Amino acid sequence: MKIFLLPPLGLVLLLTVMAMVGAGWRRRVLAGLIALLLIAGHLPVVADGLTAIPAMLTSVPDAPSPQIIIVPSLGYQDDGTERGVDALTLERLAKAADLTRSTGLPILVSGGRDGAEGPSLGELMAQRLMFEFEVREPWIESKAINTAENAAFSAEILKSKGISAGYLVTQDWHMARAQLAYAAYGIATVPAAISTGSRNGPLRARWYPSLNAGSRSAWAVHEIVGLLWYRLSLPTAAGGA
């Protein structure tokens, strides 16, 4: 349902409704503003700015020396013959594999099932790490279906083994909310972010609309809304979140 509320689809649907109902200059002005917002959301410079907002809204405790590498999942990818992890989750696994080689730390992957039969995301992530990235067998959390549950269920495993801090591997637009969630359950994290921005590219190119920028803007809005919700719903005693 949330895909119909967040940009860009939410703005497209609202623009369509405005074109179908009502009349007069107010409708045209509102429709024009929505169209401008839609275009602006596809500008890399706007996407970069939106992506930076969650970190500005979040403060988490400094982490001690990491003892683990934590990789929350995002989602499945179904090619019609078998299900696997999606491209963004695969990016996280590649980053974690590099990190475990440089630090020697073990990896914890986290992800449950979406209701369908077959392996959990955590199990699929572990398989990719072992067989594609040739790293040692990771620890697996296989119940979580969202970021808050990634944090809650992973914290249960980590605390049972005396671990309270780790590297957190995820995309930059997701990092602030994920860190907040893990802090709320008593796990301090050091960000190992995957950069998706364009700040280092040519300045002129940052003002050209792109599908990639539109996607990042949508994720950023999702994260901002999710971050505000987490501040109301997550535990606050543990981790000072």
C-alpha atoms as a PDB file:
ATOM      1  CA  MET A   1       0.000   0.000   0.000  1.00  0.00           C
ATOM      2  CA  LYS A   2       2.779   2.478   0.850  1.00  0.00           C
ATOM      3  CA  ILE A   3       4.057   2.383  -2.748  1.00  0.00           C
ATOM      4  CA  PHE A   4       0.858   4.228  -3.745  1.00  0.00           C
ATOM      5  CA  LEU A   5       1.472   6.976  -1.158  1.00  0.00           C
ATOM      6  CA  LEU A   6       5.176   7.719  -1.598  1.00  0.00           C
ATOM      7  CA  PRO A   7       6.777   9.454  -4.592  1.00  0.00           C
ATOM      8  CA  PRO A   8       6.962   9.097  -7.475  1.00  0.00           C
ATOM      9  CA  LEU A   9       3.804   6.979  -7.835  1.00  0.00           C
ATOM     10  CA  GLY A  10       1.909   8.878  -5.145  1.00  0.00           C
ATOM     11  CA  LEU A  11       2.477  12.168  -6.962  1.00  0.00           C
ATOM     12  CA  VAL A  12       1.520  10.637 -10.310  1.00  0.00           C
ATOM     13  CA  LEU A  13      -1.740   9.318  -8.860  1.00  0.00           C
ATOM     14  CA  LEU A  14      -2.509  12.657  -7.229  1.00  0.00           C
ATOM     15  CA  LEU A  15      -1.802  14.447 -10.493  1.00  0.00           C
ATOM     16  CA  THR A  16      -4.133  12.045 -12.309  1.00  0.00           C
ATOM     17  CA  VAL A  17      -6.925  12.658  -9.809  1.00  0.00           C
ATOM     18  CA  MET A  18      -6.497  16.417 -10.149  1.00  0.00           C
ATOM     19  CA  ALA A  19      -6.830  16.110 -13.910  1.00  0.00           C
ATOM     20  CA  MET A  20     -10.059  14.107 -13.573  1.00  0.00           C
ATOM     21  CA  VAL A  21     -11.964  16.060 -10.937  1.00  0.00           C
ATOM     22  CA  GLY A  22     -12.560  19.675 -10.086  1.00  0.00           C
ATOM     23  CA  ALA A  23     -12.169  22.702 -12.272  1.00  0.00           C
ATOM     24  CA  GLY A  24     -10.690  26.158 -12.398  1.00  0.00           C
ATOM     25  CA  TRP A  25      -7.339  27.768 -11.822  1.00  0.00           C
ATOM     26  CA  ARG A  26      -6.810  26.204  -8.388  1.00  0.00           C
ATOM     27  CA  ARG A  27      -6.790  22.745  -9.907  1.00  0.00           C
ATOM     28  CA  ARG A  28      -4.339  23.828 -12.589  1.00  0.00           C
ATOM     29  CA  VAL A  29      -2.026  25.470 -10.059  1.00  0.00           C
ATOM     30  CA  LEU A  30      -2.056  22.426  -7.781  1.00  0.00           C
ATOM     31  CA  ALA A  31      -1.507  20.081 -10.714  1.00  0.00           C
ATOM     32  CA  GLY A  32       1.417  22.236 -11.839  1.00  0.00           C
ATOM     33  CA  LEU A  33       2.977  22.162  -8.372  1.00  0.00           C
ATOM     34  CA  ILE A  34       2.645  18.381  -8.220  1.00  0.00           C
ATOM     35  CA  ALA A  35       4.279  18.084 -11.643  1.00  0.00           C
ATOM     36  CA  LEU A  36       7.157  20.302 -10.484  1.00  0.00           C
ATOM     37  CA  LEU A  37       7.611  18.173  -7.374  1.00  0.00           C
ATOM     38  CA  LEU A  38       7.702  15.074  -9.554  1.00  0.00           C
ATOM     39  CA  ILE A  39      10.394  16.591 -11.771  1.00  0.00           C
ATOM     40  CA  ALA A  40      12.359  17.890  -8.773  1.00  0.00           C
ATOM     41  CA  GLY A  41      12.364  14.436  -7.199  1.00  0.00           C
ATOM     42  CA  HIS A  42      14.220  13.122 -10.242  1.00  0.00           C
ATOM     43  CA  LEU A  43      17.056  15.656  -9.961  1.00  0.00           C
ATOM     44  CA  PRO A  44      20.244  14.177  -8.429  1.00  0.00           C
ATOM     45  CA  VAL A  45      20.840  17.353  -6.419  1.00  0.00           C
ATOM     46  CA  VAL A  46      17.414  16.995  -4.783  1.00  0.00           C
ATOM     47  CA  ALA A  47      17.889  13.269  -4.204  1.00  0.00           C
ATOM     48  CA  ASP A  48      21.233  13.969  -2.516  1.00  0.00           C
ATOM     49  CA  GLY A  49      19.628  16.537  -0.237  1.00  0.00           C
ATOM     50  CA  LEU A  50      16.743  14.260   0.722  1.00  0.00           C
ATOM     51  CA  THR A  51      19.130  11.382   1.372  1.00  0.00           C
ATOM     52  CA  ALA A  52      21.078  13.527   3.854  1.00  0.00           C
ATOM     53  CA  ILE A  53      18.021  14.440   5.948  1.00  0.00           C
ATOM     54  CA  PRO A  54      17.676  11.164   7.957  1.00  0.00           C
ATOM     55  CA  ALA A  55      21.233  11.460   9.271  1.00  0.00           C
ATOM     56  CA  MET A  56      20.536  15.067  10.296  1.00  0.00           C
ATOM     57  CA  LEU A  57      17.507  13.886  12.283  1.00  0.00           C
ATOM     58  CA  THR A  58      19.290  11.011  14.013  1.00  0.00           C
ATOM     59  CA  SER A  59      21.715  10.814  16.901  1.00  0.00           C
ATOM     60  CA  VAL A  60      23.020   7.435  18.052  1.00  0.00           C
ATOM     61  CA  PRO A  61      25.659   6.550  20.658  1.00  0.00           C
ATOM     62  CA  ASP A  62      29.265   6.115  19.586  1.00  0.00           C
ATOM     63  CA  ALA A  63      30.094   2.440  19.157  1.00  0.00           C
ATOM     64  CA  PRO A  64      33.010   0.638  20.743  1.00  0.00           C
ATOM     65  CA  SER A  65      35.201  -1.659  18.665  1.00  0.00           C
ATOM     66  CA  PRO A  66      32.929  -3.734  16.393  1.00  0.00           C
ATOM     67  CA  GLN A  67      32.727  -7.458  17.104  1.00  0.00           C
ATOM     68  CA  ILE A  68      30.499  -8.485  14.192  1.00  0.00           C
ATOM     69  CA  ILE A  69      29.355  -7.379  10.736  1.00  0.00           C
ATOM     70  CA  ILE A  70      25.572  -6.961  10.575  1.00  0.00           C
ATOM     71  CA  VAL A  71      23.713  -7.160   7.252  1.00  0.00           C
ATOM     72  CA  PRO A  72      19.929  -6.592   7.248  1.00  0.00           C
ATOM     73  CA  SER A  73      18.022  -7.718   4.166  1.00  0.00           C
ATOM     74  CA  LEU A  74      15.814  -5.681   1.883  1.00  0.00           C
ATOM     75  CA  GLY A  75      13.784  -8.032  -0.282  1.00  0.00           C
ATOM     76  CA  TYR A  76      13.419 -10.907  -2.700  1.00  0.00           C
ATOM     77  CA  GLN A  77      13.956 -10.987  -6.427  1.00  0.00           C
ATOM     78  CA  ASP A  78      11.971 -13.483  -8.472  1.00  0.00           C
ATOM     79  CA  ASP A  79      13.156 -14.217 -12.005  1.00  0.00           C
ATOM     80  CA  GLY A  80      10.283 -16.592 -12.713  1.00  0.00           C
ATOM     81  CA  THR A  81      12.235 -19.772 -12.018  1.00  0.00           C
ATOM     82  CA  GLU A  82      13.610 -19.250  -8.516  1.00  0.00           C
ATOM     83  CA  ARG A  83      13.680 -16.641  -5.790  1.00  0.00           C
ATOM     84  CA  GLY A  84      16.835 -14.910  -4.665  1.00  0.00           C
ATOM     85  CA  VAL A  85      17.902 -11.720  -2.930  1.00  0.00           C
ATOM     86  CA  ASP A  86      17.316  -8.419  -4.681  1.00  0.00           C
ATOM     87  CA  ALA A  87      20.053  -6.228  -6.132  1.00  0.00           C
ATOM     88  CA  LEU A  88      20.250  -3.882  -3.140  1.00  0.00           C
ATOM     89  CA  THR A  89      20.644  -6.778  -0.713  1.00  0.00           C
ATOM     90  CA  LEU A  90      23.333  -8.196  -2.989  1.00  0.00           C
ATOM     91  CA  GLU A  91      25.194  -4.875  -2.774  1.00  0.00           C
ATOM     92  CA  ARG A  92      25.157  -5.211   1.006  1.00  0.00           C
ATOM     93  CA  LEU A  93      26.522  -8.748   0.823  1.00  0.00           C
ATOM     94  CA  ALA A  94      29.382  -7.665  -1.444  1.00  0.00           C
ATOM     95  CA  LYS A  95      30.285  -4.877   0.994  1.00  0.00           C
ATOM     96  CA  ALA A  96      30.128  -7.275   3.942  1.00  0.00           C
ATOM     97  CA  ALA A  97      32.335  -9.802   2.151  1.00  0.00           C
ATOM     98  CA  ASP A  98      35.007  -7.148   1.594  1.00  0.00           C
ATOM     99  CA  LEU A  99      34.724  -6.065   5.214  1.00  0.00           C
ATOM    100  CA  THR A 100      35.069  -9.551   6.649  1.00  0.00           C
ATOM    101  CA  ARG A 101      38.202 -10.119   4.574  1.00  0.00           C
ATOM    102  CA  SER A 102      39.789  -6.920   5.865  1.00  0.00           C
ATOM    103  CA  THR A 103      38.745  -7.296   9.515  1.00  0.00           C
ATOM    104  CA  GLY A 104      38.391 -11.036  10.070  1.00  0.00           C
ATOM    105  CA  LEU A 105      35.049 -10.457  11.811  1.00  0.00           C
ATOM    106  CA  PRO A 106      32.110 -12.844  11.367  1.00  0.00           C
ATOM    107  CA  ILE A 107      28.924 -11.787   9.560  1.00  0.00           C
ATOM    108  CA  LEU A 108      25.340 -11.884  10.799  1.00  0.00           C
ATOM    109  CA  VAL A 109      22.687 -11.778   8.048  1.00  0.00           C
ATOM    110  CA  SER A 110      19.085 -10.996   8.899  1.00  0.00           C
ATOM    111  CA  GLY A 111      15.880 -11.553   6.959  1.00  0.00           C
ATOM    112  CA  GLY A 112      12.720 -13.637   7.228  1.00  0.00           C
ATOM    113  CA  ARG A 113      10.074 -14.883   4.811  1.00  0.00           C
ATOM    114  CA  ASP A 114       7.394 -12.780   3.139  1.00  0.00           C
ATOM    115  CA  GLY A 115       4.759 -15.471   3.531  1.00  0.00           C
ATOM    116  CA  ALA A 116       5.777 -17.558   0.516  1.00  0.00           C
ATOM    117  CA  GLU A 117       7.278 -21.020   0.711  1.00  0.00           C
ATOM    118  CA  GLY A 118      11.009 -21.515   0.446  1.00  0.00           C
ATOM    119  CA  PRO A 119      14.135 -20.263   2.158  1.00  0.00           C
ATOM    120  CA  SER A 120      14.134 -17.105   4.238  1.00  0.00           C
ATOM    121  CA  LEU A 121      16.050 -14.072   3.066  1.00  0.00           C
ATOM    122  CA  GLY A 122      18.613 -14.742   5.786  1.00  0.00           C
ATOM    123  CA  GLU A 123      19.200 -18.251   4.445  1.00  0.00           C
ATOM    124  CA  LEU A 124      19.486 -17.000   0.855  1.00  0.00           C
ATOM    125  CA  MET A 125      21.921 -14.294   1.941  1.00  0.00           C
ATOM    126  CA  ALA A 126      24.068 -16.867   3.713  1.00  0.00           C
ATOM    127  CA  GLN A 127      24.131 -19.039   0.598  1.00  0.00           C
ATOM    128  CA  ARG A 128      25.256 -16.136  -1.585  1.00  0.00           C
ATOM    129  CA  LEU A 129      28.003 -15.205   0.871  1.00  0.00           C
ATOM    130  CA  MET A 130      29.375 -18.727   1.022  1.00  0.00           C
ATOM    131  CA  PHE A 131      29.071 -19.801  -2.600  1.00  0.00           C
ATOM    132  CA  GLU A 132      29.484 -16.539  -4.522  1.00  0.00           C
ATOM    133  CA  PHE A 133      31.709 -14.489  -2.232  1.00  0.00           C
ATOM    134  CA  GLU A 134      33.540 -17.459  -0.693  1.00  0.00           C
ATOM    135  CA  VAL A 135      33.364 -16.302   2.907  1.00  0.00           C
ATOM    136  CA  ARG A 136      32.950 -18.494   5.956  1.00  0.00           C
ATOM    137  CA  GLU A 137      29.480 -19.538   7.058  1.00  0.00           C
ATOM    138  CA  PRO A 138      27.659 -16.525   8.538  1.00  0.00           C
ATOM    139  CA  TRP A 139      25.303 -16.393  11.474  1.00  0.00           C
ATOM    140  CA  ILE A 140      21.665 -16.297  10.355  1.00  0.00           C
ATOM    141  CA  GLU A 141      18.602 -14.515  11.699  1.00  0.00           C
ATOM    142  CA  SER A 142      15.577 -15.726   9.720  1.00  0.00           C
ATOM    143  CA  LYS A 143      12.419 -14.180  11.215  1.00  0.00           C
ATOM    144  CA  ALA A 144      12.605 -10.431  10.545  1.00  0.00           C
ATOM    145  CA  ILE A 145      10.339  -8.842   7.947  1.00  0.00           C
ATOM    146  CA  ASN A 146      11.342  -5.187   8.396  1.00  0.00           C
ATOM    147  CA  THR A 147      14.187  -3.046   9.727  1.00  0.00           C
ATOM    148  CA  ALA A 148      12.841  -2.879  13.289  1.00  0.00           C
ATOM    149  CA  GLU A 149      12.596  -6.662  13.415  1.00  0.00           C
ATOM    150  CA  ASN A 150      16.043  -7.014  11.841  1.00  0.00           C
ATOM    151  CA  ALA A 151      17.324  -5.067  14.829  1.00  0.00           C
ATOM    152  CA  ALA A 152      15.193  -6.756  17.489  1.00  0.00           C
ATOM    153  CA  PHE A 153      15.837 -10.357  16.432  1.00  0.00           C
ATOM    154  CA  SER A 154      19.504  -9.765  15.616  1.00  0.00           C
ATOM    155  CA  ALA A 155      19.978  -8.183  19.051  1.00  0.00           C
ATOM    156  CA  GLU A 156      18.647 -11.355  20.687  1.00  0.00           C
ATOM    157  CA  ILE A 157      21.289 -13.444  18.905  1.00  0.00           C
ATOM    158  CA  LEU A 158      24.125 -10.989  19.489  1.00  0.00           C
ATOM    159  CA  LYS A 159      23.413 -10.403  23.182  1.00  0.00           C
ATOM    160  CA  SER A 160      23.265 -14.140  23.794  1.00  0.00           C
ATOM    161  CA  LYS A 161      26.863 -14.285  22.544  1.00  0.00           C
ATOM    162  CA  GLY A 162      28.025 -11.262  24.522  1.00  0.00           C
ATOM    163  CA  ILE A 163      28.187  -8.938  21.505  1.00  0.00           C
ATOM    164  CA  SER A 164      27.047  -5.344  21.838  1.00  0.00           C
ATOM    165  CA  ALA A 165      28.624  -3.569  18.833  1.00  0.00           C
ATOM    166  CA  GLY A 166      29.149  -4.209  15.150  1.00  0.00           C
ATOM    167  CA  TYR A 167      29.603  -2.775  11.703  1.00  0.00           C
ATOM    168  CA  LEU A 168      26.244  -2.113  10.043  1.00  0.00           C
ATOM    169  CA  VAL A 169      26.156  -2.624   6.283  1.00  0.00           C
ATOM    170  CA  THR A 170      23.387  -0.962   4.276  1.00  0.00           C
ATOM    171  CA  GLN A 171      22.786   1.806   1.731  1.00  0.00           C
ATOM    172  CA  ASP A 172      23.447   5.394   2.822  1.00  0.00           C
ATOM    173  CA  TRP A 173      19.774   6.379   2.586  1.00  0.00           C
ATOM    174  CA  HIS A 174      18.829   3.546   4.977  1.00  0.00           C
ATOM    175  CA  MET A 175      21.687   3.904   7.457  1.00  0.00           C
ATOM    176  CA  ALA A 176      20.224   6.452   9.883  1.00  0.00           C
ATOM    177  CA  ARG A 177      16.964   4.574  10.460  1.00  0.00           C
ATOM    178  CA  ALA A 178      18.764   1.241  10.715  1.00  0.00           C
ATOM    179  CA  GLN A 179      21.257   2.611  13.256  1.00  0.00           C
ATOM    180  CA  LEU A 180      18.403   4.056  15.288  1.00  0.00           C
ATOM    181  CA  ALA A 181      16.649   0.680  15.311  1.00  0.00           C
ATOM    182  CA  TYR A 182      19.733  -1.266  16.424  1.00  0.00           C
ATOM    183  CA  ALA A 183      20.530   1.321  19.108  1.00  0.00           C
ATOM    184  CA  ALA A 184      16.991   1.014  20.440  1.00  0.00           C
ATOM    185  CA  TYR A 185      17.620  -2.691  21.055  1.00  0.00           C
ATOM    186  CA  GLY A 186      21.007  -2.157  22.667  1.00  0.00           C
ATOM    187  CA  ILE A 187      23.335  -2.787  19.736  1.00  0.00           C
ATOM    188  CA  ALA A 188      25.786   0.022  18.931  1.00  0.00           C
ATOM    189  CA  THR A 189      26.793   0.233  15.282  1.00  0.00           C
ATOM    190  CA  VAL A 190      29.600   1.634  13.173  1.00  0.00           C
ATOM    191  CA  PRO A 191      28.246   2.600   9.730  1.00  0.00           C
ATOM    192  CA  ALA A 192      29.647   0.757   6.726  1.00  0.00           C
ATOM    193  CA  ALA A 193      27.473   2.579   4.224  1.00  0.00           C
ATOM    194  CA  ILE A 194      27.083   1.889   0.521  1.00  0.00           C
ATOM    195  CA  SER A 195      27.165   5.247  -1.236  1.00  0.00           C
ATOM    196  CA  THR A 196      24.374   5.852  -3.742  1.00  0.00           C
ATOM    197  CA  GLY A 197      24.826   9.600  -4.161  1.00  0.00           C
ATOM    198  CA  SER A 198      26.211  11.752  -6.930  1.00  0.00           C
ATOM    199  CA  ARG A 199      27.984  14.450  -4.920  1.00  0.00           C
ATOM    200  CA  ASN A 200      31.316  13.641  -6.539  1.00  0.00           C
ATOM    201  CA  GLY A 201      29.975  13.816 -10.087  1.00  0.00           C
ATOM    202  CA  PRO A 202      30.027  16.845 -12.407  1.00  0.00           C
ATOM    203  CA  LEU A 203      27.959  19.698 -10.958  1.00  0.00           C
ATOM    204  CA  ARG A 204      26.008  20.164 -14.184  1.00  0.00           C
ATOM    205  CA  ALA A 205      24.994  16.487 -14.257  1.00  0.00           C
ATOM    206  CA  ARG A 206      23.413  16.799 -10.808  1.00  0.00           C
ATOM    207  CA  TRP A 207      20.723  19.033 -12.334  1.00  0.00           C
ATOM    208  CA  TYR A 208      19.679  16.563 -15.052  1.00  0.00           C
ATOM    209  CA  PRO A 209      16.670  14.367 -14.168  1.00  0.00           C
ATOM    210  CA  SER A 210      17.361  10.644 -13.916  1.00  0.00           C
ATOM    211  CA  LEU A 211      15.469   7.504 -12.934  1.00  0.00           C
ATOM    212  CA  ASN A 212      18.189   6.690 -10.407  1.00  0.00           C
ATOM    213  CA  ALA A 213      17.657  10.031  -8.676  1.00  0.00           C
ATOM    214  CA  GLY A 214      13.899   9.474  -8.647  1.00  0.00           C
ATOM    215  CA  SER A 215      14.410   6.105  -7.002  1.00  0.00           C
ATOM    216  CA  ARG A 216      16.726   7.572  -4.366  1.00  0.00           C
ATOM    217  CA  SER A 217      14.286  10.388  -3.647  1.00  0.00           C
ATOM    218  CA  ALA A 218      11.505   7.869  -3.105  1.00  0.00           C
ATOM    219  CA  TRP A 219      13.673   5.834  -0.746  1.00  0.00           C
ATOM    220  CA  ALA A 220      14.701   8.983   1.118  1.00  0.00           C
ATOM    221  CA  VAL A 221      11.085  10.049   1.693  1.00  0.00           C
ATOM    222  CA  HIS A 222      10.313   6.507   2.844  1.00  0.00           C
ATOM    223  CA  GLU A 223      13.200   6.713   5.313  1.00  0.00           C
ATOM    224  CA  ILE A 224      12.195  10.131   6.658  1.00  0.00           C
ATOM    225  CA  VAL A 225       8.629   8.946   7.312  1.00  0.00           C
ATOM    226  CA  GLY A 226       9.929   5.683   8.802  1.00  0.00           C
ATOM    227  CA  LEU A 227      12.384   7.540  11.009  1.00  0.00           C
ATOM    228  CA  LEU A 228       9.650   9.738  12.446  1.00  0.00           C
ATOM    229  CA  TRP A 229       7.530   6.658  13.106  1.00  0.00           C
ATOM    230  CA  TYR A 230      10.434   4.869  14.807  1.00  0.00           C
ATOM    231  CA  ARG A 231      10.879   7.787  17.198  1.00  0.00           C
ATOM    232  CA  LEU A 232       7.322   7.146  18.368  1.00  0.00           C
ATOM    233  CA  SER A 233       7.305   3.352  18.339  1.00  0.00           C
ATOM    234  CA  LEU A 234      10.772   1.984  19.164  1.00  0.00           C
ATOM    235  CA  PRO A 235      12.030   1.333  22.695  1.00  0.00           C
ATOM    236  CA  THR A 236      13.952   4.279  24.119  1.00  0.00           C
ATOM    237  CA  ALA A 237      15.524   2.838  27.251  1.00  0.00           C
ATOM    238  CA  ALA A 238      18.136   0.757  25.434  1.00  0.00           C
ATOM    239  CA  GLY A 239      20.753   2.527  23.400  1.00  0.00           C
ATOM    240  CA  GLY A 240      19.444   6.004  24.112  1.00  0.00           C
ATOM    241  CA  ALA A 241      17.468   6.148  20.842  1.00  0.00           C
END
